[in-house]
Amino acid sequence: MTDQTDSLLLKAYVERRLEAAFNELVHRHVDLVYSAAIRMVRDPHLAEDVTQGAFIALARQASELVDRATLAGWLHRTAQNIAAQTIRTIERRRAREQEAFAMSEQISTLPDVWWEQIEPHLDAALGELSDADRDAVVLRYFHKKSAAEIATILGVSDDAAQKRVSRAVEKLREVFAKNKITIGAGSLGILISANAVQAAPVGLATKILAATSGPTATAGITMIQKTFIAGFAAVAIGGGIYSLHLQKQIAALQEQQTSLNQQIAQMSQERDDAKNQLAAAQRENEQRQNNQDELLRLRGEIGVLRGQLDEATKNNPALPAAVVAGNTNSSTPQITIEARFLTMPEGVSAGWYDSTSAGILTSENFSIASRQLRARNDVETLAEPKVTTISGRQVQMRATQIISVVTNFCLQETNGTSSIVPQTENVETGPVLDAVPRVLPDGYTIELPVVASVVEFLGYAPSTNTTPAYNSVGQEIDVPTVSPQFRVPSVTNSVNLFDGQTLVFGLKDNQVQTDATLAELDGRKSNSLNRHTLVFVTATIIDHVGNRVHEDGSYTNIPPQPVSQ
């Protein structure tokens, strides 16, 4: 089945439940999905969970995807969504653990005598609250729900839920104050949360469920009562001496029935409440899915607008400064960031720069270095992005392009003729720079944290391996395998430099051995190995019309650097 397209394999799985077809899809794309997952979650075990989740989603939605020519893009997006949800879940769990730890620390500081004073009056005090306030207190401190969960259950915003809880606790504190029990609202909430709920006896829930498990539960209870009543009545008729005693027994049984009926009604109400909570959770899940779809759509629009802005910037170099000035307070400093990504053979910069660390160049030294590098034929400029932003705002500079990479070969037949056809996927390659420049209070120094990376397609690892495939007449044909290779050198730096100075650093690359041998599909040796990427980032403070605030070349030294953490 290796010669069939994704669409044909998925159709075979949907229409004939052919597990072999789905297995082939898994083997075909598992490396892609796992690689995307490990980049996003940075944990092998979580990446395996994300990968499994992506293929489970594929199996569930298979009937909706049979018309897709390839599943690679859909699987990548699905893995991205699952990874993002996984990260959010981990962050929420950590937040809850931190909250629980903080609460335990606070509880340990409260004297036990406070709870001994509060406990006898707690339920009566709760009875004096309104239904809405009592619900808020019970959900927060008895069921230990978060503000977000309370908001979902009550159908209000997170802020409204938090205010309702605070108001209810304050009213509860006032009730205790009337009984001459003085305690702060914060301490009251902690004491209730820690002591108000204790575990029910083992087996109690099972007994309750057994008593209410079927539609005949109430009828059974009533029948038992009638049996006892009839029996006692017969004895009373036969012997009037026991009449008064039997009447008391009947009254007791009636009271028991009333109590049981009340318990049944209460559990029915709890069941209905649970159903309502489940429905609310399902609605919340649907809303989150809609939000995710909207996020993806907005990201696409941002990409289109970014391309239009880049095109407009090329035609009008003064546009970035004008846009920033028109949308910000003129008192906020503006900074122009100019980056230059250069690739060169190892050792080219050894005469004036140590590629193992970051350096700062004055304006004059940067000009000298630029002239020296431009004079060499073996130095290549990858990109020279430029952007203007305001102090303290994060900015991303991308000079990437989408390339088509062969990821697999398959056997196809047309009019009885077999041919080996490459299958491709689109990959974004090129430099990316993230920075958050900030002008320090002296007006001259710029704090410049940056994250730079370059996604580089190196070519294909040489391989003589083949996979057997069979045409319609049963002839075996060897289909070659292909292994595209990428390199993603990256680095993170944070320095202080004066206005107009340039940060220079090399990108670290530990993914490909320097003696590796890669080649293009036609056999030509790749020239991407054994090269070094150097990045220059120049930061300049400008006014609202784009002019420099300080004179060029005003500084011959560098400012104090931040202390490494």
Protein backbone atom coordinates (compact mmCIF):
# COMPACT_ATOMS: atom_id res chain seq x y z
CA MET A 1 0.00 0.00 0.00
CA THR A 2 3.00 2.28 0.09
CA ASP A 3 2.32 3.34 -3.49
CA GLN A 4 -1.16 4.69 -2.72
CA THR A 5 -1.89 8.32 -1.94
CA ASP A 6 -3.13 9.50 1.45
CA SER A 7 -6.61 10.03 0.02
CA LEU A 8 -6.89 6.46 -1.29
CA LEU A 9 -5.61 4.96 1.96
CA LEU A 10 -8.01 7.02 4.07
CA LYS A 11 -10.93 6.13 1.80
CA ALA A 12 -10.08 2.43 2.17
CA TYR A 13 -10.06 2.83 5.93
CA VAL A 14 -13.40 4.69 5.99
CA GLU A 15 -15.30 2.51 3.52
CA ARG A 16 -13.85 -0.93 4.29
CA ARG A 17 -12.40 -0.38 7.80
CA LEU A 18 -9.08 -1.60 6.38
CA GLU A 19 -6.68 -1.35 9.30
CA ALA A 20 -3.67 -1.92 7.05
CA ALA A 21 -4.48 1.31 5.22
CA PHE A 22 -4.55 3.29 8.45
CA ASN A 23 -1.32 1.61 9.59
CA GLU A 24 0.37 2.78 6.40
CA LEU A 25 -0.82 6.36 7.06
CA VAL A 26 0.63 6.19 10.57
CA HIS A 27 4.01 4.90 9.38
CA ARG A 28 4.06 7.48 6.60
CA HIS A 29 3.49 10.54 8.79
CA VAL A 30 4.51 9.54 12.33
CA ASP A 31 8.00 11.06 12.01
CA LEU A 32 6.57 14.40 10.84
CA VAL A 33 3.97 14.57 13.63
CA TYR A 34 6.41 13.51 16.37
CA SER A 35 9.04 16.00 15.20
CA ALA A 36 6.49 18.84 15.31
CA ALA A 37 5.28 17.71 18.75
CA ILE A 38 8.77 17.50 20.29
CA ARG A 39 9.58 21.01 19.04
CA MET A 40 6.48 22.39 20.73
CA VAL A 41 6.31 20.48 24.05
CA ARG A 42 10.07 19.79 24.52
CA ASP A 43 9.38 16.51 26.29
CA PRO A 44 9.61 13.05 24.63
CA HIS A 45 6.79 11.52 26.70
CA LEU A 46 4.45 14.45 26.09
CA ALA A 47 5.42 14.42 22.42
CA GLU A 48 4.37 10.76 22.20
CA ASP A 49 1.00 11.63 23.78
CA VAL A 50 0.51 14.51 21.33
CA THR A 51 1.41 12.25 18.40
CA GLN A 52 -1.07 9.59 19.52
CA GLY A 53 -3.73 12.26 19.97
CA ALA A 54 -3.21 13.54 16.42
CA PHE A 55 -3.71 10.09 14.89
CA ILE A 56 -6.70 9.38 17.14
CA ALA A 57 -8.23 12.61 15.82
CA LEU A 58 -7.46 11.42 12.28
CA ALA A 59 -9.30 8.14 12.90
CA ARG A 60 -12.33 9.97 14.32
CA GLN A 61 -12.53 12.52 11.50
CA ALA A 62 -11.45 10.20 8.70
CA SER A 63 -14.74 10.50 6.79
CA GLU A 64 -14.35 14.29 6.64
CA LEU A 65 -10.80 14.17 5.26
CA VAL A 66 -10.99 11.63 2.42
CA ASP A 67 -10.89 14.35 -0.24
CA ARG A 68 -7.53 15.75 0.91
CA ALA A 69 -4.64 15.00 -1.42
CA THR A 70 -2.23 14.84 1.53
CA LEU A 71 -2.76 14.67 5.29
CA ALA A 72 0.61 16.10 6.27
CA GLY A 73 -0.59 19.68 6.76
CA TRP A 74 -3.75 18.64 8.63
CA LEU A 75 -1.78 16.35 10.96
CA HIS A 76 0.76 19.12 11.64
CA ARG A 77 -1.98 21.59 12.57
CA THR A 78 -3.77 19.01 14.72
CA ALA A 79 -0.52 18.19 16.55
CA GLN A 80 0.04 21.91 17.09
CA ASN A 81 -3.45 22.34 18.60
CA ILE A 82 -3.09 19.30 20.87
CA ALA A 83 0.39 20.43 21.98
CA ALA A 84 -0.93 23.90 22.83
CA GLN A 85 -3.79 22.38 24.84
CA THR A 86 -1.32 20.06 26.62
CA ILE A 87 0.90 23.00 27.59
CA ARG A 88 -2.11 24.97 28.87
CA THR A 89 -3.24 21.97 30.93
CA ILE A 90 0.21 21.61 32.50
CA GLU A 91 0.32 25.34 33.31
CA ARG A 92 -3.13 25.21 34.93
CA ARG A 93 -2.12 22.17 37.00
CA ARG A 94 1.02 23.95 38.20
CA ALA A 95 -1.05 27.01 39.12
CA ARG A 96 -3.46 24.85 41.14
CA GLU A 97 -0.56 23.13 42.90
CA GLN A 98 0.98 26.48 43.78
CA GLU A 99 -2.38 27.73 45.07
CA ALA A 100 -2.84 24.59 47.19
CA PHE A 101 0.68 24.93 48.61
CA ALA A 102 0.10 28.59 49.47
CA MET A 103 -3.19 27.72 51.16
CA SER A 104 -1.56 24.93 53.20
CA GLU A 105 1.09 27.39 54.38
CA GLN A 106 -1.62 29.83 55.45
CA ILE A 107 -3.64 27.12 57.22
CA SER A 108 -0.63 26.07 59.28
CA THR A 109 -0.46 29.59 60.76
CA LEU A 110 -4.12 29.68 61.93
CA PRO A 111 -4.86 28.44 65.48
CA ASP A 112 -7.19 25.40 65.83
CA VAL A 113 -9.30 27.27 68.39
CA TRP A 114 -10.72 29.49 65.62
CA TRP A 115 -12.29 26.52 63.85
CA GLU A 116 -13.65 25.22 67.19
CA GLN A 117 -15.45 28.57 67.61
CA ILE A 118 -16.74 28.71 64.03
CA GLU A 119 -17.83 25.10 63.49
CA PRO A 120 -20.99 25.07 65.72
CA HIS A 121 -22.37 28.18 63.98
CA LEU A 122 -21.25 27.55 60.37
CA ASP A 123 -24.38 25.88 58.96
CA ALA A 124 -26.73 28.32 60.68
CA ALA A 125 -24.68 31.21 59.29
CA LEU A 126 -24.85 29.72 55.79
CA GLY A 127 -28.63 29.52 56.18
CA GLU A 128 -28.80 33.30 56.63
CA LEU A 129 -27.20 33.90 53.22
CA SER A 130 -29.19 34.28 50.00
CA ASP A 131 -29.31 31.33 47.61
CA ALA A 132 -26.86 33.01 45.21
CA ASP A 133 -24.35 33.86 47.96
CA ARG A 134 -24.65 30.40 49.54
CA ASP A 135 -24.03 28.74 46.16
CA ALA A 136 -20.92 30.85 45.66
CA VAL A 137 -19.47 29.93 49.09
CA VAL A 138 -20.24 26.21 48.73
CA LEU A 139 -18.75 26.01 45.24
CA ARG A 140 -15.58 27.89 46.23
CA TYR A 141 -14.75 26.50 49.67
CA PHE A 142 -16.69 23.22 49.95
CA HIS A 143 -16.24 21.92 46.37
CA LYS A 144 -12.97 23.90 45.94
CA LYS A 145 -13.89 25.24 42.51
CA SER A 146 -11.78 27.96 40.89
CA ALA A 147 -13.23 31.33 39.88
CA ALA A 148 -13.31 30.22 36.24
CA GLU A 149 -15.19 27.01 37.10
CA ILE A 150 -17.69 28.92 39.27
CA ALA A 151 -18.23 31.39 36.44
CA THR A 152 -19.02 28.52 34.05
CA ILE A 153 -21.46 26.87 36.48
CA LEU A 154 -23.30 30.11 37.36
CA GLY A 155 -23.19 31.46 33.80
CA VAL A 156 -21.36 34.70 34.69
CA SER A 157 -17.94 36.20 33.93
CA ASP A 158 -14.80 35.26 35.91
CA ASP A 159 -14.69 38.72 37.49
CA ALA A 160 -18.37 38.58 38.49
CA ALA A 161 -17.87 35.12 40.03
CA GLN A 162 -14.88 36.33 42.07
CA LYS A 163 -16.82 39.38 43.31
CA ARG A 164 -19.79 37.21 44.27
CA VAL A 165 -17.57 34.90 46.34
CA SER A 166 -15.87 37.85 48.08
CA ARG A 167 -19.24 39.47 48.85
CA ALA A 168 -20.67 36.22 50.22
CA VAL A 169 -17.67 35.59 52.50
CA GLU A 170 -17.92 39.15 53.82
CA LYS A 171 -21.62 38.62 54.66
CA LEU A 172 -20.72 35.34 56.36
CA ARG A 173 -18.05 37.14 58.40
CA GLU A 174 -20.65 39.71 59.50
CA VAL A 175 -22.96 36.91 60.68
CA PHE A 176 -20.15 35.49 62.82
CA ALA A 177 -19.38 38.97 64.14
CA LYS A 178 -22.97 39.22 65.45
CA ASN A 179 -22.20 36.06 67.46
CA LYS A 180 -19.08 37.78 68.87
CA ILE A 181 -16.72 35.69 66.70
CA THR A 182 -14.25 38.07 65.07
CA ILE A 183 -12.21 36.78 62.14
CA GLY A 184 -10.98 38.21 58.82
CA ALA A 185 -12.67 37.26 55.55
CA GLY A 186 -9.46 35.74 54.15
CA SER A 187 -8.85 33.57 57.23
CA LEU A 188 -12.51 32.53 57.29
CA GLY A 189 -12.31 31.25 53.71
CA ILE A 190 -9.14 29.30 54.46
CA LEU A 191 -10.64 27.66 57.58
CA ILE A 192 -13.82 26.63 55.77
CA SER A 193 -11.92 25.21 52.81
CA ALA A 194 -9.62 23.19 55.07
CA ASN A 195 -12.14 21.83 57.61
CA ALA A 196 -15.74 22.04 56.38
CA VAL A 197 -15.84 18.88 54.25
CA GLN A 198 -14.90 15.44 55.58
CA ALA A 199 -15.07 12.06 53.84
CA ALA A 200 -18.38 10.17 54.11
CA PRO A 201 -18.32 6.61 55.51
CA VAL A 202 -17.05 3.96 53.11
CA GLY A 203 -19.94 2.36 51.22
CA LEU A 204 -22.50 5.11 51.92
CA ALA A 205 -22.59 6.22 48.28
CA THR A 206 -23.06 2.59 47.17
CA LYS A 207 -26.01 2.17 49.55
CA ILE A 208 -27.62 5.36 48.26
CA LEU A 209 -27.19 4.33 44.64
CA ALA A 210 -28.61 0.87 45.36
CA ALA A 211 -31.64 2.43 47.00
CA THR A 212 -32.29 4.75 44.05
CA SER A 213 -30.88 2.71 41.17
CA GLY A 214 -34.13 1.76 39.38
CA PRO A 215 -37.52 3.21 38.50
CA THR A 216 -39.09 0.92 41.13
CA ALA A 217 -37.02 2.30 44.00
CA THR A 218 -39.76 4.56 45.35
CA ALA A 219 -42.39 1.91 44.72
CA GLY A 220 -40.28 -0.62 46.63
CA ILE A 221 -39.98 1.65 49.61
CA THR A 222 -43.73 2.28 49.56
CA MET A 223 -44.46 -1.46 49.31
CA ILE A 224 -42.24 -2.16 52.31
CA GLN A 225 -44.10 0.48 54.25
CA LYS A 226 -47.50 -0.91 53.27
CA THR A 227 -46.41 -4.40 54.29
CA PHE A 228 -45.37 -3.23 57.72
CA ILE A 229 -48.53 -1.14 58.12
CA ALA A 230 -50.79 -4.02 57.08
CA GLY A 231 -49.04 -6.42 59.44
CA PHE A 232 -49.22 -4.15 62.39
CA ALA A 233 -52.86 -3.30 61.63
CA ALA A 234 -53.79 -7.01 61.60
CA VAL A 235 -52.19 -7.53 64.99
CA ALA A 236 -54.01 -4.46 66.33
CA ILE A 237 -57.37 -5.82 65.20
CA GLY A 238 -56.57 -9.20 66.74
CA GLY A 239 -55.47 -7.71 70.01
CA GLY A 240 -56.61 -4.26 71.03
CA ILE A 241 -54.11 -4.26 73.84
CA TYR A 242 -51.39 -3.35 71.32
CA SER A 243 -53.35 -0.61 69.53
CA LEU A 244 -51.47 2.38 70.86
CA HIS A 245 -48.08 0.73 70.31
CA LEU A 246 -48.93 -0.09 66.70
CA GLN A 247 -50.04 3.45 65.99
CA LYS A 248 -46.65 4.69 67.12
CA GLN A 249 -44.93 2.16 64.85
CA ILE A 250 -47.03 3.30 61.89
CA ALA A 251 -46.19 6.94 62.57
CA ALA A 252 -42.49 6.07 62.74
CA LEU A 253 -42.68 4.25 59.40
CA GLN A 254 -44.44 7.21 57.84
CA GLU A 255 -41.70 9.49 59.08
CA GLN A 256 -39.10 7.14 57.59
CA GLN A 257 -40.91 7.22 54.25
CA THR A 258 -41.00 11.02 54.32
CA SER A 259 -37.28 11.13 55.05
CA LEU A 260 -36.52 8.68 52.24
CA ASN A 261 -38.66 10.64 49.81
CA GLN A 262 -36.79 13.79 50.73
CA GLN A 263 -33.46 12.04 50.15
CA ILE A 264 -34.66 10.80 46.76
CA ALA A 265 -35.76 14.30 45.79
CA GLN A 266 -32.42 15.72 46.91
CA MET A 267 -30.43 13.16 44.90
CA SER A 268 -32.63 13.78 41.87
CA GLN A 269 -31.83 17.47 42.18
CA GLU A 270 -28.10 16.67 42.46
CA ARG A 271 -28.37 14.49 39.36
CA ASP A 272 -30.03 17.32 37.44
CA ASP A 273 -27.35 19.73 38.65
CA ALA A 274 -24.64 17.34 37.45
CA LYS A 275 -26.30 17.14 34.04
CA ASN A 276 -26.42 20.93 33.86
CA GLN A 277 -22.73 21.16 34.76
CA LEU A 278 -21.88 18.60 32.08
CA ALA A 279 -23.86 20.56 29.49
CA ALA A 280 -22.08 23.76 30.54
CA ALA A 281 -18.69 22.04 30.20
CA GLN A 282 -19.63 20.79 26.73
CA ARG A 283 -20.66 24.30 25.70
CA GLU A 284 -17.37 25.65 27.03
CA ASN A 285 -15.45 23.03 25.03
CA GLU A 286 -17.31 23.99 21.86
CA GLN A 287 -16.56 27.66 22.51
CA ARG A 288 -12.87 26.87 22.96
CA GLN A 289 -12.85 25.03 19.64
CA ASN A 290 -14.51 28.01 17.96
CA ASN A 291 -11.93 30.31 19.54
CA GLN A 292 -9.11 28.09 18.23
CA ASP A 293 -10.55 28.22 14.70
CA GLU A 294 -10.87 32.00 14.96
CA LEU A 295 -7.25 32.23 16.17
CA LEU A 296 -6.02 30.28 13.15
CA ARG A 297 -8.04 32.52 10.83
CA LEU A 298 -6.65 35.68 12.42
CA ARG A 299 -3.10 34.35 12.16
CA GLY A 300 -3.66 33.87 8.45
CA GLU A 301 -4.91 37.44 8.10
CA ILE A 302 -1.88 38.70 10.04
CA GLY A 303 0.41 36.91 7.60
CA VAL A 304 -1.32 38.56 4.64
CA LEU A 305 -1.18 42.01 6.26
CA ARG A 306 2.48 41.52 7.19
CA GLY A 307 3.28 40.76 3.56
CA GLN A 308 1.40 43.87 2.42
CA LEU A 309 3.25 45.99 4.99
CA ASP A 310 6.62 44.62 3.87
CA GLU A 311 5.77 45.48 0.26
CA ALA A 312 4.70 48.99 1.25
CA THR A 313 7.88 49.44 3.30
CA LYS A 314 10.03 48.60 0.26
CA ASN A 315 8.28 51.33 -1.75
CA ASN A 316 8.38 53.90 1.09
CA PRO A 317 11.33 53.48 3.52
CA ALA A 318 9.96 56.17 5.86
CA LEU A 319 6.69 54.31 6.37
CA PRO A 320 7.66 52.22 9.47
CA ALA A 321 8.66 55.26 11.51
CA ALA A 322 5.52 57.11 10.39
CA VAL A 323 3.27 54.20 11.36
CA VAL A 324 4.86 53.88 14.79
CA ALA A 325 4.69 57.63 15.39
CA GLY A 326 1.04 57.78 14.37
CA ASN A 327 -0.03 55.01 16.74
CA THR A 328 2.00 55.75 19.87
CA ASN A 329 2.56 58.52 22.36
CA SER A 330 5.24 60.84 21.01
CA SER A 331 6.91 60.85 24.44
CA THR A 332 7.70 57.13 24.15
CA PRO A 333 11.12 56.54 22.55
CA GLN A 334 11.20 54.82 19.18
CA ILE A 335 13.90 52.37 18.11
CA THR A 336 14.93 51.18 14.66
CA ILE A 337 16.29 47.63 14.58
CA GLU A 338 18.43 46.64 11.59
CA ALA A 339 19.54 43.00 11.37
CA ARG A 340 21.95 41.34 8.99
CA PHE A 341 22.29 37.55 8.66
CA LEU A 342 25.55 36.45 6.96
CA THR A 343 26.78 32.94 6.21
CA MET A 344 30.48 32.24 5.72
CA PRO A 345 33.09 29.48 6.03
CA GLU A 346 34.28 28.62 9.51
CA GLY A 347 37.13 30.87 10.68
CA VAL A 348 36.42 33.92 8.50
CA SER A 349 35.70 36.15 11.53
CA ALA A 350 38.54 34.74 13.65
CA GLY A 351 40.69 37.84 13.19
CA TRP A 352 38.33 40.27 14.92
CA TYR A 353 35.49 38.33 16.59
CA ASP A 354 35.23 35.29 18.87
CA SER A 355 32.28 33.33 17.45
CA THR A 356 31.70 31.54 20.76
CA SER A 357 30.29 34.64 22.48
CA ALA A 358 28.41 37.85 21.75
CA GLY A 359 30.21 41.12 21.05
CA ILE A 360 29.35 44.81 20.76
CA LEU A 361 30.72 46.96 17.93
CA THR A 362 30.87 50.73 17.82
CA SER A 363 29.57 52.42 14.69
CA GLU A 364 33.12 52.76 13.31
CA ASN A 365 34.08 49.15 14.03
CA PHE A 366 30.85 47.90 12.47
CA SER A 367 31.60 49.82 9.28
CA ILE A 368 35.10 48.28 9.12
CA ALA A 369 33.74 44.76 9.69
CA SER A 370 31.04 45.25 7.05
CA ARG A 371 33.57 46.37 4.43
CA GLN A 372 35.84 43.41 5.17
CA LEU A 373 33.00 40.89 4.89
CA ARG A 374 31.49 42.40 1.74
CA ALA A 375 34.90 42.23 0.06
CA ARG A 376 34.95 38.44 0.37
CA ASN A 377 33.39 36.26 -2.32
CA ASP A 378 32.68 33.42 0.11
CA VAL A 379 30.45 35.53 2.40
CA GLU A 380 26.74 35.37 1.55
CA THR A 381 24.01 37.68 2.86
CA LEU A 382 20.95 35.67 3.88
CA ALA A 383 18.71 38.62 4.81
CA GLU A 384 18.77 42.26 5.98
CA PRO A 385 15.40 42.88 7.70
CA LYS A 386 14.64 46.25 9.26
CA VAL A 387 11.81 47.42 11.51
CA THR A 388 10.87 50.41 13.69
CA THR A 389 9.09 49.91 17.02
CA ILE A 390 8.54 51.69 20.33
CA SER A 391 10.56 51.10 23.47
CA GLY A 392 9.49 47.99 25.35
CA ARG A 393 7.41 46.42 22.58
CA GLN A 394 8.23 42.96 21.27
CA VAL A 395 8.95 42.78 17.55
CA GLN A 396 9.56 39.86 15.21
CA MET A 397 11.54 40.15 11.97
CA ARG A 398 11.08 37.35 9.45
CA ALA A 399 12.87 36.98 6.14
CA THR A 400 11.60 33.50 5.36
CA GLN A 401 10.40 31.74 2.26
CA ILE A 402 8.28 28.67 1.60
CA ILE A 403 10.08 25.88 -0.25
CA SER A 404 8.82 22.55 -1.50
CA VAL A 405 10.72 19.55 -0.11
CA VAL A 406 10.45 15.96 -1.31
CA THR A 407 9.45 13.77 1.64
CA ASN A 408 8.52 10.51 -0.05
CA PHE A 409 8.28 8.60 -3.35
CA CYS A 410 5.28 6.58 -4.44
CA LEU A 411 4.39 4.32 -7.34
CA GLN A 412 1.66 5.55 -9.68
CA GLU A 413 0.13 3.97 -12.77
CA THR A 414 -1.26 5.89 -15.74
CA ASN A 415 -2.76 4.01 -18.70
CA GLY A 416 -0.89 0.87 -17.69
CA THR A 417 2.46 2.67 -17.32
CA SER A 418 4.14 2.65 -13.90
CA SER A 419 6.13 5.65 -12.74
CA ILE A 420 7.81 6.74 -9.52
CA VAL A 421 6.45 10.12 -8.42
CA PRO A 422 7.88 12.31 -5.63
CA GLN A 423 5.59 13.62 -2.90
CA THR A 424 6.40 17.06 -1.49
CA GLU A 425 5.55 19.22 1.50
CA ASN A 426 5.90 22.98 1.95
CA VAL A 427 8.43 24.10 4.59
CA GLU A 428 9.19 27.63 5.84
CA THR A 429 12.93 28.35 5.79
CA GLY A 430 15.09 31.39 6.47
CA PRO A 431 16.05 33.77 9.31
CA VAL A 432 13.79 34.88 12.18
CA LEU A 433 14.71 37.45 14.85
CA ASP A 434 12.64 38.25 17.97
CA ALA A 435 13.62 41.28 20.07
CA VAL A 436 12.22 43.46 22.88
CA PRO A 437 14.34 46.65 22.71
CA ARG A 438 13.95 49.14 25.58
CA VAL A 439 15.50 52.56 26.11
CA LEU A 440 16.80 52.85 29.68
CA PRO A 441 16.13 55.97 31.80
CA ASP A 442 19.41 57.68 30.80
CA GLY A 443 18.05 58.02 27.25
CA TYR A 444 21.26 56.67 25.67
CA THR A 445 21.45 53.01 26.68
CA ILE A 446 19.34 50.35 24.97
CA GLU A 447 18.52 47.03 26.64
CA LEU A 448 18.39 44.49 23.81
CA PRO A 449 17.30 40.87 24.44
CA VAL A 450 17.15 38.90 21.17
CA VAL A 451 16.37 35.38 19.98
CA ALA A 452 17.68 34.54 16.50
CA SER A 453 17.37 31.39 14.42
CA VAL A 454 17.73 30.22 10.84
CA VAL A 455 15.86 27.24 9.40
CA GLU A 456 18.11 25.90 6.61
CA PHE A 457 17.35 23.08 4.21
CA LEU A 458 20.61 21.20 3.67
CA GLY A 459 19.58 18.67 1.08
CA TYR A 460 19.02 14.93 1.28
CA ALA A 461 20.99 12.28 3.13
CA PRO A 462 22.48 9.79 0.65
CA SER A 463 20.71 6.46 0.72
CA THR A 464 20.59 3.31 -1.38
CA ASN A 465 17.60 1.92 0.50
CA THR A 466 14.45 1.11 -1.42
CA THR A 467 10.93 0.02 -0.59
CA PRO A 468 9.27 -2.68 -2.71
CA ALA A 469 6.01 -1.73 -4.44
CA TYR A 470 3.81 -3.69 -6.82
CA ASN A 471 1.96 -2.52 -9.90
CA SER A 472 -1.40 -3.77 -11.13
CA VAL A 473 0.11 -6.86 -12.80
CA GLY A 474 2.06 -7.89 -9.70
CA GLN A 475 5.46 -6.72 -10.88
CA GLU A 476 7.77 -5.68 -8.03
CA ILE A 477 9.31 -2.23 -8.42
CA ASP A 478 11.91 -0.77 -6.06
CA VAL A 479 10.87 2.70 -4.90
CA PRO A 480 13.74 4.80 -3.49
CA THR A 481 13.55 6.33 -0.03
CA VAL A 482 14.40 9.94 0.74
CA SER A 483 15.48 11.71 3.94
CA PRO A 484 15.42 15.53 3.82
CA GLN A 485 17.86 17.18 6.26
CA PHE A 486 17.43 20.49 8.05
CA ARG A 487 19.64 22.61 10.29
CA VAL A 488 18.20 25.12 12.78
CA PRO A 489 21.05 27.08 14.40
CA SER A 490 19.76 29.47 17.07
CA VAL A 491 20.93 31.58 19.99
CA THR A 492 19.51 33.79 22.77
CA ASN A 493 21.35 36.93 23.91
CA SER A 494 20.63 39.92 26.13
CA VAL A 495 23.01 42.91 26.24
CA ASN A 496 23.09 46.62 26.95
CA LEU A 497 24.49 48.86 24.22
CA PHE A 498 24.61 52.56 23.46
CA ASP A 499 22.51 54.17 20.76
CA GLY A 500 23.80 53.24 17.30
CA GLN A 501 26.01 50.36 18.45
CA THR A 502 25.76 46.85 16.99
CA LEU A 503 25.38 43.47 18.67
CA VAL A 504 27.20 40.64 16.84
CA PHE A 505 26.92 36.94 17.60
CA GLY A 506 27.16 33.57 15.91
CA LEU A 507 24.38 31.00 15.74
CA LYS A 508 25.14 27.77 17.54
CA ASP A 509 24.51 24.55 15.63
CA ASN A 510 24.72 21.14 17.27
CA GLN A 511 22.36 19.30 14.94
CA VAL A 512 24.62 18.33 12.02
CA GLN A 513 28.17 16.98 12.18
CA THR A 514 30.63 19.13 10.28
CA ASP A 515 31.93 16.11 8.36
CA ALA A 516 28.44 15.01 7.26
CA THR A 517 27.88 14.40 3.56
CA LEU A 518 24.61 15.58 2.05
CA ALA A 519 23.51 15.85 -1.55
CA GLU A 520 20.72 17.10 -3.75
CA LEU A 521 18.35 14.59 -5.38
CA ASP A 522 20.38 14.72 -8.61
CA GLY A 523 23.57 13.69 -6.75
CA ARG A 524 25.21 17.11 -6.47
CA LYS A 525 26.95 17.61 -3.12
CA SER A 526 25.30 20.18 -0.85
CA ASN A 527 27.37 23.29 -0.17
CA SER A 528 25.47 24.18 3.04
CA LEU A 529 27.73 22.32 5.46
CA ASN A 530 30.84 23.59 7.24
CA ARG A 531 29.55 27.16 7.19
CA HIS A 532 29.00 29.59 10.02
CA THR A 533 26.11 32.05 10.44
CA LEU A 534 26.90 35.50 11.85
CA VAL A 535 24.20 37.97 12.94
CA PHE A 536 24.56 41.76 13.32
CA VAL A 537 21.80 43.69 15.13
CA THR A 538 22.04 47.52 15.17
CA ALA A 539 19.69 49.52 17.45
CA THR A 540 19.15 53.25 16.83
CA ILE A 541 16.98 55.69 18.83
CA ILE A 542 14.90 57.96 16.55
CA ASP A 543 12.34 60.72 16.98
CA HIS A 544 8.73 60.68 15.77
CA VAL A 545 9.70 61.71 12.23
CA GLY A 546 12.48 59.14 11.86
CA ASN A 547 15.56 61.28 12.62
CA ARG A 548 18.33 60.09 14.93
CA VAL A 549 18.14 61.48 18.46
CA HIS A 550 21.91 61.29 19.12
CA GLU A 551 24.92 61.92 16.91
CA ASP A 552 26.41 58.94 15.11
CA GLY A 553 29.67 57.71 16.62
CA SER A 554 29.12 59.45 19.98
CA TYR A 555 30.30 56.44 21.98
CA THR A 556 33.63 54.65 21.89
CA ASN A 557 32.96 52.33 24.84
CA ILE A 558 30.10 50.04 25.88
CA PRO A 559 27.69 50.36 28.83
CA PRO A 560 27.63 48.03 31.87
CA GLN A 561 26.13 44.67 31.00
CA PRO A 562 23.26 42.90 32.80
CA VAL A 563 24.23 40.29 35.37
CA SER A 564 23.78 36.73 34.06
CA GLN A 565 21.04 34.80 35.83
